[in-house]
Amino acid sequence: MNQGFTIGIAGMPEGEGRALLAELFSDSVRPAHIYRHRWQAGDLVAWDNRCTMHHATEYDVHYVPAIQRTTVRGDRPV
Protein backbone atom coordinates (compact mmCIF):
# COMPACT_ATOMS: atom_id res chain seq x y z
CA MET A 1 0.00 0.00 0.00
CA ASN A 2 1.51 3.29 -1.09
CA GLN A 3 -0.30 6.60 -1.19
CA GLY A 4 1.53 7.58 -4.35
CA PHE A 5 0.51 4.46 -6.29
CA THR A 6 -2.60 2.95 -4.67
CA ILE A 7 -5.81 4.24 -6.24
CA GLY A 8 -8.48 1.83 -5.05
CA ILE A 9 -9.37 -1.57 -3.66
CA ALA A 10 -10.44 -4.26 -6.11
CA GLY A 11 -14.02 -5.40 -5.58
CA MET A 12 -14.95 -2.42 -3.39
CA PRO A 13 -17.06 0.55 -4.57
CA GLU A 14 -14.80 3.51 -5.42
CA GLY A 15 -16.03 5.80 -2.62
CA GLU A 16 -15.75 3.10 0.05
CA GLY A 17 -12.32 2.09 -1.22
CA ARG A 18 -11.01 5.64 -1.14
CA ALA A 19 -12.39 6.18 2.37
CA LEU A 20 -10.76 2.98 3.63
CA LEU A 21 -7.46 3.87 1.97
CA ALA A 22 -7.52 7.35 3.53
CA GLU A 23 -7.98 5.74 6.95
CA LEU A 24 -5.17 3.23 6.33
CA PHE A 25 -2.78 5.89 5.00
CA SER A 26 -3.48 8.08 8.03
CA ASP A 27 -2.98 5.18 10.44
CA SER A 28 0.27 4.07 8.79
CA VAL A 29 2.08 7.29 9.73
CA ARG A 30 1.03 7.43 13.37
CA PRO A 31 4.06 7.86 15.63
CA ALA A 32 3.35 4.46 17.23
CA HIS A 33 4.00 2.85 13.83
CA ILE A 34 7.20 4.70 12.96
CA TYR A 35 10.74 3.54 13.63
CA ARG A 36 13.43 6.19 13.29
CA HIS A 37 16.97 4.88 13.37
CA ARG A 38 19.73 6.84 15.08
CA TRP A 39 22.86 5.80 13.21
CA GLN A 40 26.06 4.74 14.92
CA ALA A 41 29.29 3.44 13.42
CA GLY A 42 28.95 -0.17 12.34
CA ASP A 43 25.13 -0.17 12.13
CA LEU A 44 23.34 -2.34 9.62
CA VAL A 45 19.66 -1.82 8.91
CA ALA A 46 17.63 -4.13 6.70
CA TRP A 47 13.95 -4.24 5.77
CA ASP A 48 11.61 -6.11 3.48
CA ASN A 49 10.34 -3.72 0.80
CA ARG A 50 7.30 -5.95 0.31
CA CYS A 51 6.06 -5.24 3.84
CA THR A 52 7.61 -1.94 4.90
CA MET A 53 7.30 1.69 3.93
CA HIS A 54 10.55 3.56 4.27
CA HIS A 55 11.72 7.12 3.77
CA ALA A 56 15.26 8.43 3.80
CA THR A 57 15.98 11.56 5.80
CA GLU A 58 18.83 14.04 5.69
CA TYR A 59 22.18 12.91 7.03
CA ASP A 60 25.49 14.51 7.95
CA VAL A 61 27.33 14.99 4.64
CA HIS A 62 30.63 14.24 6.41
CA TYR A 63 29.51 10.60 6.62
CA VAL A 64 28.62 9.08 3.29
CA PRO A 65 26.31 6.07 3.70
CA ALA A 66 27.27 2.78 2.07
CA ILE A 67 24.05 1.39 0.63
CA GLN A 68 23.72 -2.14 -0.72
CA ARG A 69 20.52 -3.51 -2.22
CA THR A 70 19.85 -7.23 -2.16
CA THR A 71 16.97 -9.13 -3.69
CA VAL A 72 16.19 -12.50 -2.18
CA ARG A 73 14.11 -15.10 -3.98
CA GLY A 74 11.36 -16.69 -1.98
CA ASP A 75 7.69 -16.43 -1.21
CA ARG A 76 5.62 -14.01 -3.23
CA PRO A 77 4.32 -11.00 -1.28
CA VAL A 78 0.93 -11.47 0.32
PDB file of N, CA and C in Angstrom:
ATOM      1  N   MET A   1       0.843  -1.163   0.000  1.00  0.00           N
ATOM      2  CA  MET A   1       0.000   0.000   0.000  1.00  0.00           C
ATOM      3  C   MET A   1       0.892   1.231   0.000  1.00  0.00           C
ATOM      4  N   ASN A   2       0.701   2.087  -0.961  1.00  0.00           N
ATOM      5  CA  ASN A   2       1.512   3.288  -1.091  1.00  0.00           C
ATOM      6  C   ASN A   2       0.613   4.413  -1.574  1.00  0.00           C
ATOM      7  N   GLN A   3       0.600   5.500  -0.855  1.00  0.00           N
ATOM      8  CA  GLN A   3      -0.304   6.604  -1.189  1.00  0.00           C
ATOM      9  C   GLN A   3      -0.023   7.169  -2.576  1.00  0.00           C
ATOM     10  N   GLY A   4       1.202   7.056  -3.035  1.00  0.00           N
ATOM     11  CA  GLY A   4       1.529   7.578  -4.349  1.00  0.00           C
ATOM     12  C   GLY A   4       1.087   6.685  -5.496  1.00  0.00           C
ATOM     13  N   PHE A   5       0.834   5.408  -5.224  1.00  0.00           N
ATOM     14  CA  PHE A   5       0.513   4.460  -6.292  1.00  0.00           C
ATOM     15  C   PHE A   5      -0.825   3.744  -6.120  1.00  0.00           C
ATOM     16  N   THR A   6      -1.365   3.690  -4.913  1.00  0.00           N
ATOM     17  CA  THR A   6      -2.601   2.950  -4.665  1.00  0.00           C
ATOM     18  C   THR A   6      -3.796   3.854  -4.952  1.00  0.00           C
ATOM     19  N   ILE A   7      -4.683   3.393  -5.834  1.00  0.00           N
ATOM     20  CA  ILE A   7      -5.807   4.241  -6.237  1.00  0.00           C
ATOM     21  C   ILE A   7      -7.166   3.665  -5.860  1.00  0.00           C
ATOM     22  N   GLY A   8      -7.206   2.436  -5.411  1.00  0.00           N
ATOM     23  CA  GLY A   8      -8.479   1.829  -5.052  1.00  0.00           C
ATOM     24  C   GLY A   8      -8.285   0.435  -4.506  1.00  0.00           C
ATOM     25  N   ILE A   9      -9.391  -0.204  -4.168  1.00  0.00           N
ATOM     26  CA  ILE A   9      -9.373  -1.566  -3.659  1.00  0.00           C
ATOM     27  C   ILE A   9     -10.275  -2.396  -4.566  1.00  0.00           C
ATOM     28  N   ALA A  10      -9.695  -3.416  -5.185  1.00  0.00           N
ATOM     29  CA  ALA A  10     -10.438  -4.263  -6.114  1.00  0.00           C
ATOM     30  C   ALA A  10     -11.659  -4.867  -5.423  1.00  0.00           C
ATOM     31  N   GLY A  11     -12.799  -4.807  -6.102  1.00  0.00           N
ATOM     32  CA  GLY A  11     -14.018  -5.402  -5.581  1.00  0.00           C
ATOM     33  C   GLY A  11     -14.782  -4.529  -4.599  1.00  0.00           C
ATOM     34  N   MET A  12     -14.289  -3.321  -4.340  1.00  0.00           N
ATOM     35  CA  MET A  12     -14.952  -2.420  -3.393  1.00  0.00           C
ATOM     36  C   MET A  12     -15.407  -1.179  -4.160  1.00  0.00           C
ATOM     37  N   PRO A  13     -16.621  -0.680  -3.904  1.00  0.00           N
ATOM     38  CA  PRO A  13     -17.058   0.554  -4.574  1.00  0.00           C
ATOM     39  C   PRO A  13     -16.029   1.666  -4.388  1.00  0.00           C
ATOM     40  N   GLU A  14     -15.858   2.488  -5.419  1.00  0.00           N
ATOM     41  CA  GLU A  14     -14.797   3.508  -5.422  1.00  0.00           C
ATOM     42  C   GLU A  14     -14.805   4.393  -4.178  1.00  0.00           C
ATOM     43  N   GLY A  15     -15.959   4.916  -3.789  1.00  0.00           N
ATOM     44  CA  GLY A  15     -16.032   5.802  -2.619  1.00  0.00           C
ATOM     45  C   GLY A  15     -15.628   5.097  -1.336  1.00  0.00           C
ATOM     46  N   GLU A  16     -16.106   3.867  -1.149  1.00  0.00           N
ATOM     47  CA  GLU A  16     -15.751   3.103   0.047  1.00  0.00           C
ATOM     48  C   GLU A  16     -14.263   2.780   0.051  1.00  0.00           C
ATOM     49  N   GLY A  17     -13.740   2.413  -1.121  1.00  0.00           N
ATOM     50  CA  GLY A  17     -12.318   2.090  -1.219  1.00  0.00           C
ATOM     51  C   GLY A  17     -11.438   3.277  -0.886  1.00  0.00           C
ATOM     52  N   ARG A  18     -11.794   4.424  -1.420  1.00  0.00           N
ATOM     53  CA  ARG A  18     -11.006   5.642  -1.141  1.00  0.00           C
ATOM     54  C   ARG A  18     -11.073   6.022   0.343  1.00  0.00           C
ATOM     55  N   ALA A  19     -12.249   5.865   0.946  1.00  0.00           N
ATOM     56  CA  ALA A  19     -12.390   6.177   2.375  1.00  0.00           C
ATOM     57  C   ALA A  19     -11.537   5.234   3.214  1.00  0.00           C
ATOM     58  N   LEU A  20     -11.566   3.946   2.884  1.00  0.00           N
ATOM     59  CA  LEU A  20     -10.757   2.980   3.632  1.00  0.00           C
ATOM     60  C   LEU A  20      -9.268   3.257   3.443  1.00  0.00           C
ATOM     61  N   LEU A  21      -8.869   3.552   2.220  1.00  0.00           N
ATOM     62  CA  LEU A  21      -7.457   3.867   1.968  1.00  0.00           C
ATOM     63  C   LEU A  21      -7.026   5.111   2.736  1.00  0.00           C
ATOM     64  N   ALA A  22      -7.860   6.134   2.779  1.00  0.00           N
ATOM     65  CA  ALA A  22      -7.522   7.352   3.532  1.00  0.00           C
ATOM     66  C   ALA A  22      -7.288   7.018   4.999  1.00  0.00           C
ATOM     67  N   GLU A  23      -8.137   6.149   5.548  1.00  0.00           N
ATOM     68  CA  GLU A  23      -7.979   5.736   6.950  1.00  0.00           C
ATOM     69  C   GLU A  23      -6.678   4.943   7.139  1.00  0.00           C
ATOM     70  N   LEU A  24      -6.391   4.034   6.228  1.00  0.00           N
ATOM     71  CA  LEU A  24      -5.173   3.226   6.330  1.00  0.00           C
ATOM     72  C   LEU A  24      -3.922   4.079   6.169  1.00  0.00           C
ATOM     73  N   PHE A  25      -3.924   5.009   5.198  1.00  0.00           N
ATOM     74  CA  PHE A  25      -2.776   5.888   5.004  1.00  0.00           C
ATOM     75  C   PHE A  25      -2.530   6.725   6.251  1.00  0.00           C
ATOM     76  N   SER A  26      -3.592   7.256   6.828  1.00  0.00           N
ATOM     77  CA  SER A  26      -3.480   8.075   8.035  1.00  0.00           C
ATOM     78  C   SER A  26      -2.920   7.256   9.196  1.00  0.00           C
ATOM     79  N   ASP A  27      -3.425   6.045   9.349  1.00  0.00           N
ATOM     80  CA  ASP A  27      -2.978   5.180  10.442  1.00  0.00           C
ATOM     81  C   ASP A  27      -1.521   4.755  10.271  1.00  0.00           C
ATOM     82  N   SER A  28      -1.087   4.582   9.037  1.00  0.00           N
ATOM     83  CA  SER A  28       0.268   4.070   8.791  1.00  0.00           C
ATOM     84  C   SER A  28       1.367   5.041   9.209  1.00  0.00           C
ATOM     85  N   VAL A  29       1.050   6.319   9.353  1.00  0.00           N
ATOM     86  CA  VAL A  29       2.079   7.294   9.729  1.00  0.00           C
ATOM     87  C   VAL A  29       1.929   7.788  11.169  1.00  0.00           C
ATOM     88  N   ARG A  30       1.124   7.090  11.949  1.00  0.00           N
ATOM     89  CA  ARG A  30       1.026   7.431  13.368  1.00  0.00           C
ATOM     90  C   ARG A  30       2.380   7.190  14.033  1.00  0.00           C
ATOM     91  N   PRO A  31       2.772   8.042  14.971  1.00  0.00           N
ATOM     92  CA  PRO A  31       4.063   7.864  15.635  1.00  0.00           C
ATOM     93  C   PRO A  31       4.269   6.458  16.215  1.00  0.00           C
ATOM     94  N   ALA A  32       3.218   5.811  16.665  1.00  0.00           N
ATOM     95  CA  ALA A  32       3.351   4.464  17.235  1.00  0.00           C
ATOM     96  C   ALA A  32       3.799   3.445  16.190  1.00  0.00           C
ATOM     97  N   HIS A  33       3.649   3.774  14.904  1.00  0.00           N
ATOM     98  CA  HIS A  33       3.996   2.846  13.830  1.00  0.00           C
ATOM     99  C   HIS A  33       5.290   3.222  13.115  1.00  0.00           C
ATOM    100  N   ILE A  34       5.989   4.203  13.633  1.00  0.00           N
ATOM    101  CA  ILE A  34       7.195   4.699  12.959  1.00  0.00           C
ATOM    102  C   ILE A  34       8.443   4.323  13.753  1.00  0.00           C
ATOM    103  N   TYR A  35       9.427   3.805  13.035  1.00  0.00           N
ATOM    104  CA  TYR A  35      10.740   3.543  13.632  1.00  0.00           C
ATOM    105  C   TYR A  35      11.724   4.506  12.985  1.00  0.00           C
ATOM    106  N   ARG A  36      12.416   5.263  13.795  1.00  0.00           N
ATOM    107  CA  ARG A  36      13.426   6.194  13.290  1.00  0.00           C
ATOM    108  C   ARG A  36      14.771   5.749  13.846  1.00  0.00           C
ATOM    109  N   HIS A  37      15.674   5.410  12.949  1.00  0.00           N
ATOM    110  CA  HIS A  37      16.973   4.879  13.373  1.00  0.00           C
ATOM    111  C   HIS A  37      17.956   6.006  13.653  1.00  0.00           C
ATOM    112  N   ARG A  38      18.656   5.892  14.752  1.00  0.00           N
ATOM    113  CA  ARG A  38      19.732   6.836  15.080  1.00  0.00           C
ATOM    114  C   ARG A  38      21.045   6.112  14.791  1.00  0.00           C
ATOM    115  N   TRP A  39      21.678   6.503  13.703  1.00  0.00           N
ATOM    116  CA  TRP A  39      22.861   5.801  13.205  1.00  0.00           C
ATOM    117  C   TRP A  39      24.056   5.909  14.129  1.00  0.00           C
ATOM    118  N   GLN A  40      24.775   4.797  14.210  1.00  0.00           N
ATOM    119  CA  GLN A  40      26.059   4.742  14.920  1.00  0.00           C
ATOM    120  C   GLN A  40      27.016   3.950  14.040  1.00  0.00           C
ATOM    121  N   ALA A  41      28.294   4.163  14.216  1.00  0.00           N
ATOM    122  CA  ALA A  41      29.294   3.445  13.419  1.00  0.00           C
ATOM    123  C   ALA A  41      29.055   1.940  13.519  1.00  0.00           C
ATOM    124  N   GLY A  42      29.102   1.279  12.376  1.00  0.00           N
ATOM    125  CA  GLY A  42      28.947  -0.168  12.340  1.00  0.00           C
ATOM    126  C   GLY A  42      27.514  -0.655  12.226  1.00  0.00           C
ATOM    127  N   ASP A  43      26.538   0.249  12.214  1.00  0.00           N
ATOM    128  CA  ASP A  43      25.130  -0.166  12.134  1.00  0.00           C
ATOM    129  C   ASP A  43      24.808  -0.784  10.775  1.00  0.00           C
ATOM    130  N   LEU A  44      23.901  -1.731  10.813  1.00  0.00           N
ATOM    131  CA  LEU A  44      23.345  -2.344   9.624  1.00  0.00           C
ATOM    132  C   LEU A  44      21.830  -2.369   9.809  1.00  0.00           C
ATOM    133  N   VAL A  45      21.121  -1.824   8.849  1.00  0.00           N
ATOM    134  CA  VAL A  45      19.661  -1.816   8.914  1.00  0.00           C
ATOM    135  C   VAL A  45      19.150  -2.505   7.657  1.00  0.00           C
ATOM    136  N   ALA A  46      18.209  -3.417   7.837  1.00  0.00           N
ATOM    137  CA  ALA A  46      17.630  -4.126   6.699  1.00  0.00           C
ATOM    138  C   ALA A  46      16.123  -4.161   6.851  1.00  0.00           C
ATOM    139  N   TRP A  47      15.409  -4.162   5.732  1.00  0.00           N
ATOM    140  CA  TRP A  47      13.955  -4.241   5.769  1.00  0.00           C
ATOM    141  C   TRP A  47      13.467  -4.966   4.526  1.00  0.00           C
ATOM    142  N   ASP A  48      12.255  -5.417   4.585  1.00  0.00           N
ATOM    143  CA  ASP A  48      11.614  -6.110   3.479  1.00  0.00           C
ATOM    144  C   ASP A  48      10.727  -5.109   2.754  1.00  0.00           C
ATOM    145  N   ASN A  49      11.115  -4.715   1.552  1.00  0.00           N
ATOM    146  CA  ASN A  49      10.343  -3.719   0.801  1.00  0.00           C
ATOM    147  C   ASN A  49       8.919  -4.160   0.523  1.00  0.00           C
ATOM    148  N   ARG A  50       8.660  -5.473   0.581  1.00  0.00           N
ATOM    149  CA  ARG A  50       7.305  -5.954   0.313  1.00  0.00           C
ATOM    150  C   ARG A  50       6.368  -5.611   1.456  1.00  0.00           C
ATOM    151  N   CYS A  51       6.902  -5.391   2.646  1.00  0.00           N
ATOM    152  CA  CYS A  51       6.061  -5.242   3.837  1.00  0.00           C
ATOM    153  C   CYS A  51       6.318  -3.951   4.604  1.00  0.00           C
ATOM    154  N   THR A  52       7.192  -3.109   4.127  1.00  0.00           N
ATOM    155  CA  THR A  52       7.608  -1.941   4.899  1.00  0.00           C
ATOM    156  C   THR A  52       7.614  -0.693   4.028  1.00  0.00           C
ATOM    157  N   MET A  53       7.137   0.400   4.587  1.00  0.00           N
ATOM    158  CA  MET A  53       7.296   1.692   3.927  1.00  0.00           C
ATOM    159  C   MET A  53       8.535   2.315   4.541  1.00  0.00           C
ATOM    160  N   HIS A  54       9.366   2.918   3.727  1.00  0.00           N
ATOM    161  CA  HIS A  54      10.555   3.562   4.268  1.00  0.00           C
ATOM    162  C   HIS A  54      10.787   4.889   3.569  1.00  0.00           C
ATOM    163  N   HIS A  55      11.477   5.775   4.280  1.00  0.00           N
ATOM    164  CA  HIS A  55      11.715   7.120   3.773  1.00  0.00           C
ATOM    165  C   HIS A  55      13.064   7.590   4.292  1.00  0.00           C
ATOM    166  N   ALA A  56      13.949   7.934   3.393  1.00  0.00           N
ATOM    167  CA  ALA A  56      15.265   8.431   3.798  1.00  0.00           C
ATOM    168  C   ALA A  56      15.137   9.865   4.308  1.00  0.00           C
ATOM    169  N   THR A  57      15.943  10.201   5.280  1.00  0.00           N
ATOM    170  CA  THR A  57      15.978  11.565   5.800  1.00  0.00           C
ATOM    171  C   THR A  57      17.379  12.133   5.590  1.00  0.00           C
ATOM    172  N   GLU A  58      17.527  13.405   5.847  1.00  0.00           N
ATOM    173  CA  GLU A  58      18.834  14.042   5.686  1.00  0.00           C
ATOM    174  C   GLU A  58      19.850  13.399   6.615  1.00  0.00           C
ATOM    175  N   TYR A  59      21.106  13.444   6.215  1.00  0.00           N
ATOM    176  CA  TYR A  59      22.183  12.905   7.031  1.00  0.00           C
ATOM    177  C   TYR A  59      23.377  13.851   6.965  1.00  0.00           C
ATOM    178  N   ASP A  60      24.276  13.687   7.888  1.00  0.00           N
ATOM    179  CA  ASP A  60      25.487  14.513   7.949  1.00  0.00           C
ATOM    180  C   ASP A  60      26.342  14.213   6.723  1.00  0.00           C
ATOM    181  N   VAL A  61      26.589  15.201   5.875  1.00  0.00           N
ATOM    182  CA  VAL A  61      27.332  14.994   4.636  1.00  0.00           C
ATOM    183  C   VAL A  61      28.781  14.575   4.867  1.00  0.00           C
ATOM    184  N   HIS A  62      29.273  14.694   6.094  1.00  0.00           N
ATOM    185  CA  HIS A  62      30.629  14.240   6.409  1.00  0.00           C
ATOM    186  C   HIS A  62      30.715  12.721   6.455  1.00  0.00           C
ATOM    187  N   TYR A  63      29.567  12.063   6.541  1.00  0.00           N
ATOM    188  CA  TYR A  63      29.515  10.604   6.618  1.00  0.00           C
ATOM    189  C   TYR A  63      28.665  10.092   5.458  1.00  0.00           C
ATOM    190  N   VAL A  64      29.322   9.581   4.460  1.00  0.00           N
ATOM    191  CA  VAL A  64      28.616   9.077   3.287  1.00  0.00           C
ATOM    192  C   VAL A  64      28.124   7.661   3.579  1.00  0.00           C
ATOM    193  N   PRO A  65      26.822   7.406   3.427  1.00  0.00           N
ATOM    194  CA  PRO A  65      26.309   6.066   3.703  1.00  0.00           C
ATOM    195  C   PRO A  65      26.729   5.070   2.621  1.00  0.00           C
ATOM    196  N   ALA A  66      27.000   3.862   3.023  1.00  0.00           N
ATOM    197  CA  ALA A  66      27.269   2.776   2.073  1.00  0.00           C
ATOM    198  C   ALA A  66      25.973   1.988   1.960  1.00  0.00           C
ATOM    199  N   ILE A  67      25.348   2.031   0.804  1.00  0.00           N
ATOM    200  CA  ILE A  67      24.055   1.392   0.628  1.00  0.00           C
ATOM    201  C   ILE A  67      24.203   0.209  -0.321  1.00  0.00           C
ATOM    202  N   GLN A  68      23.714  -0.929   0.101  1.00  0.00           N
ATOM    203  CA  GLN A  68      23.716  -2.138  -0.719  1.00  0.00           C
ATOM    204  C   GLN A  68      22.280  -2.616  -0.838  1.00  0.00           C
ATOM    205  N   ARG A  69      21.864  -2.969  -2.025  1.00  0.00           N
ATOM    206  CA  ARG A  69      20.519  -3.506  -2.217  1.00  0.00           C
ATOM    207  C   ARG A  69      20.646  -4.975  -2.573  1.00  0.00           C
ATOM    208  N   THR A  70      19.842  -5.787  -1.918  1.00  0.00           N
ATOM    209  CA  THR A  70      19.845  -7.228  -2.155  1.00  0.00           C
ATOM    210  C   THR A  70      18.431  -7.682  -2.432  1.00  0.00           C
ATOM    211  N   THR A  71      18.261  -8.532  -3.401  1.00  0.00           N
ATOM    212  CA  THR A  71      16.971  -9.126  -3.686  1.00  0.00           C
ATOM    213  C   THR A  71      17.073 -10.619  -3.395  1.00  0.00           C
ATOM    214  N   VAL A  72      16.170 -11.105  -2.580  1.00  0.00           N
ATOM    215  CA  VAL A  72      16.189 -12.498  -2.184  1.00  0.00           C
ATOM    216  C   VAL A  72      14.987 -13.187  -2.806  1.00  0.00           C
ATOM    217  N   ARG A  73      15.221 -14.322  -3.404  1.00  0.00           N
ATOM    218  CA  ARG A  73      14.111 -15.095  -3.977  1.00  0.00           C
ATOM    219  C   ARG A  73      13.397 -15.817  -2.848  1.00  0.00           C
ATOM    220  N   GLY A  74      12.113 -15.996  -3.006  1.00  0.00           N
ATOM    221  CA  GLY A  74      11.358 -16.687  -1.980  1.00  0.00           C
ATOM    222  C   GLY A  74       9.878 -16.532  -2.209  1.00  0.00           C
ATOM    223  N   ASP A  75       9.147 -16.548  -1.123  1.00  0.00           N
ATOM    224  CA  ASP A  75       7.688 -16.434  -1.212  1.00  0.00           C
ATOM    225  C   ASP A  75       7.291 -15.134  -1.891  1.00  0.00           C
ATOM    226  N   ARG A  76       6.191 -15.213  -2.621  1.00  0.00           N
ATOM    227  CA  ARG A  76       5.624 -14.014  -3.228  1.00  0.00           C
ATOM    228  C   ARG A  76       4.989 -13.169  -2.119  1.00  0.00           C
ATOM    229  N   PRO A  77       4.975 -11.846  -2.279  1.00  0.00           N
ATOM    230  CA  PRO A  77       4.320 -10.997  -1.280  1.00  0.00           C
ATOM    231  C   PRO A  77       2.850 -11.346  -1.137  1.00  0.00           C
ATOM    232  N   VAL A  78       2.324 -11.174   0.051  1.00  0.00           N
ATOM    233  CA  VAL A  78       0.925 -11.467   0.319  1.00  0.00           C
ATOM    234  C   VAL A  78       0.098 -10.231   0.032  1.00  0.00           C
TER     235      VAL A  78
END
